[in-house]
Amino acid sequence: MKKYKVKLLSKPKKYLKVIAYIRSFLEIKIIEAKELVDNAPIIIAEFDDKKDAVKFETLLKRCDAEVKIVEGL
């Protein structure tokens, strides 16, 4: 089964907003979301359904975050 990974390519301009969206969408603690953003470039989420990956990518792009979907196994 193919996996769709959302990769944060760089630290976003709207840092706090991106952390809030990641926290909300992935249902993780704020410190975990902050660590993901601080360690960019990094894979921040993995989805089985491409629609979910695209939805998350679109949400982050609205905050001017530089993200892309990486397809893999």
Protein backbone atom coordinates (compact mmCIF):
# COMPACT_ATOMS: atom_id res chain seq x y z
CA MET A 1 0.00 0.00 0.00
CA LYS A 2 1.29 3.44 -0.96
CA LYS A 3 1.94 6.02 1.74
CA TYR A 4 1.74 9.77 1.27
CA LYS A 5 4.12 11.77 3.41
CA VAL A 6 3.84 15.51 3.98
CA LYS A 7 7.25 17.12 4.26
CA LEU A 8 7.88 20.54 5.76
CA LEU A 9 10.76 21.93 3.70
CA SER A 10 11.75 24.94 5.79
CA LYS A 11 10.84 26.87 8.92
CA PRO A 12 7.66 28.80 8.05
CA LYS A 13 7.17 32.55 8.26
CA LYS A 14 3.95 32.11 10.24
CA TYR A 15 5.66 29.86 12.75
CA LEU A 16 3.04 29.86 15.52
CA LYS A 17 0.11 29.44 13.16
CA VAL A 18 1.75 26.42 11.49
CA ILE A 19 2.43 24.86 14.89
CA ALA A 20 -1.22 25.37 15.82
CA TYR A 21 -2.47 23.78 12.58
CA ILE A 22 -0.13 20.80 12.91
CA ARG A 23 -1.18 20.31 16.52
CA SER A 24 -4.87 20.48 15.66
CA PHE A 25 -4.79 18.34 12.51
CA LEU A 26 -2.56 15.59 13.92
CA GLU A 27 -4.00 15.78 17.45
CA ILE A 28 -0.59 15.99 19.11
CA LYS A 29 0.79 18.06 21.97
CA ILE A 30 2.01 21.57 21.24
CA ILE A 31 5.59 20.68 22.19
CA GLU A 32 5.57 17.83 19.64
CA ALA A 33 4.27 20.14 16.91
CA LYS A 34 6.92 22.73 17.81
CA GLU A 35 9.69 20.11 17.61
CA LEU A 36 8.52 19.07 14.15
CA VAL A 37 8.58 22.66 12.88
CA ASP A 38 11.94 23.40 14.54
CA ASN A 39 13.52 20.39 12.82
CA ALA A 40 12.51 21.30 9.26
CA PRO A 41 13.13 19.92 6.71
CA ILE A 42 11.25 16.92 8.08
CA ILE A 43 8.41 14.54 7.29
CA ILE A 44 5.63 15.77 9.57
CA ALA A 45 2.85 13.33 8.71
CA GLU A 46 2.15 10.11 6.83
CA PHE A 47 -1.21 9.18 5.33
CA ASP A 48 -2.69 6.12 3.60
CA ASP A 49 -5.16 8.28 1.67
CA LYS A 50 -3.86 10.89 -0.77
CA LYS A 51 -6.90 13.09 -0.07
CA ASP A 52 -5.86 13.45 3.58
CA ALA A 53 -2.30 14.33 2.57
CA VAL A 54 -3.51 16.95 0.09
CA LYS A 55 -5.90 18.40 2.67
CA PHE A 56 -3.09 18.75 5.22
CA GLU A 57 -0.68 20.16 2.62
CA THR A 58 -3.26 22.76 1.53
CA LEU A 59 -3.94 23.79 5.11
CA LEU A 60 -0.24 24.40 5.74
CA LYS A 61 0.28 26.23 2.44
CA ARG A 62 -2.41 28.70 3.50
CA CYS A 63 0.01 29.70 6.28
CA ASP A 64 2.80 30.21 3.74
CA ALA A 65 4.52 27.01 4.84
CA GLU A 66 6.72 25.39 2.23
CA VAL A 67 5.49 21.78 2.07
CA LYS A 68 5.26 18.98 -0.45
CA ILE A 69 3.81 15.49 -0.67
CA VAL A 70 6.30 12.65 -1.03
CA GLU A 71 4.93 9.34 -2.28
CA GLY A 72 6.49 6.13 -1.08
CA LEU A 73 6.02 2.74 0.51
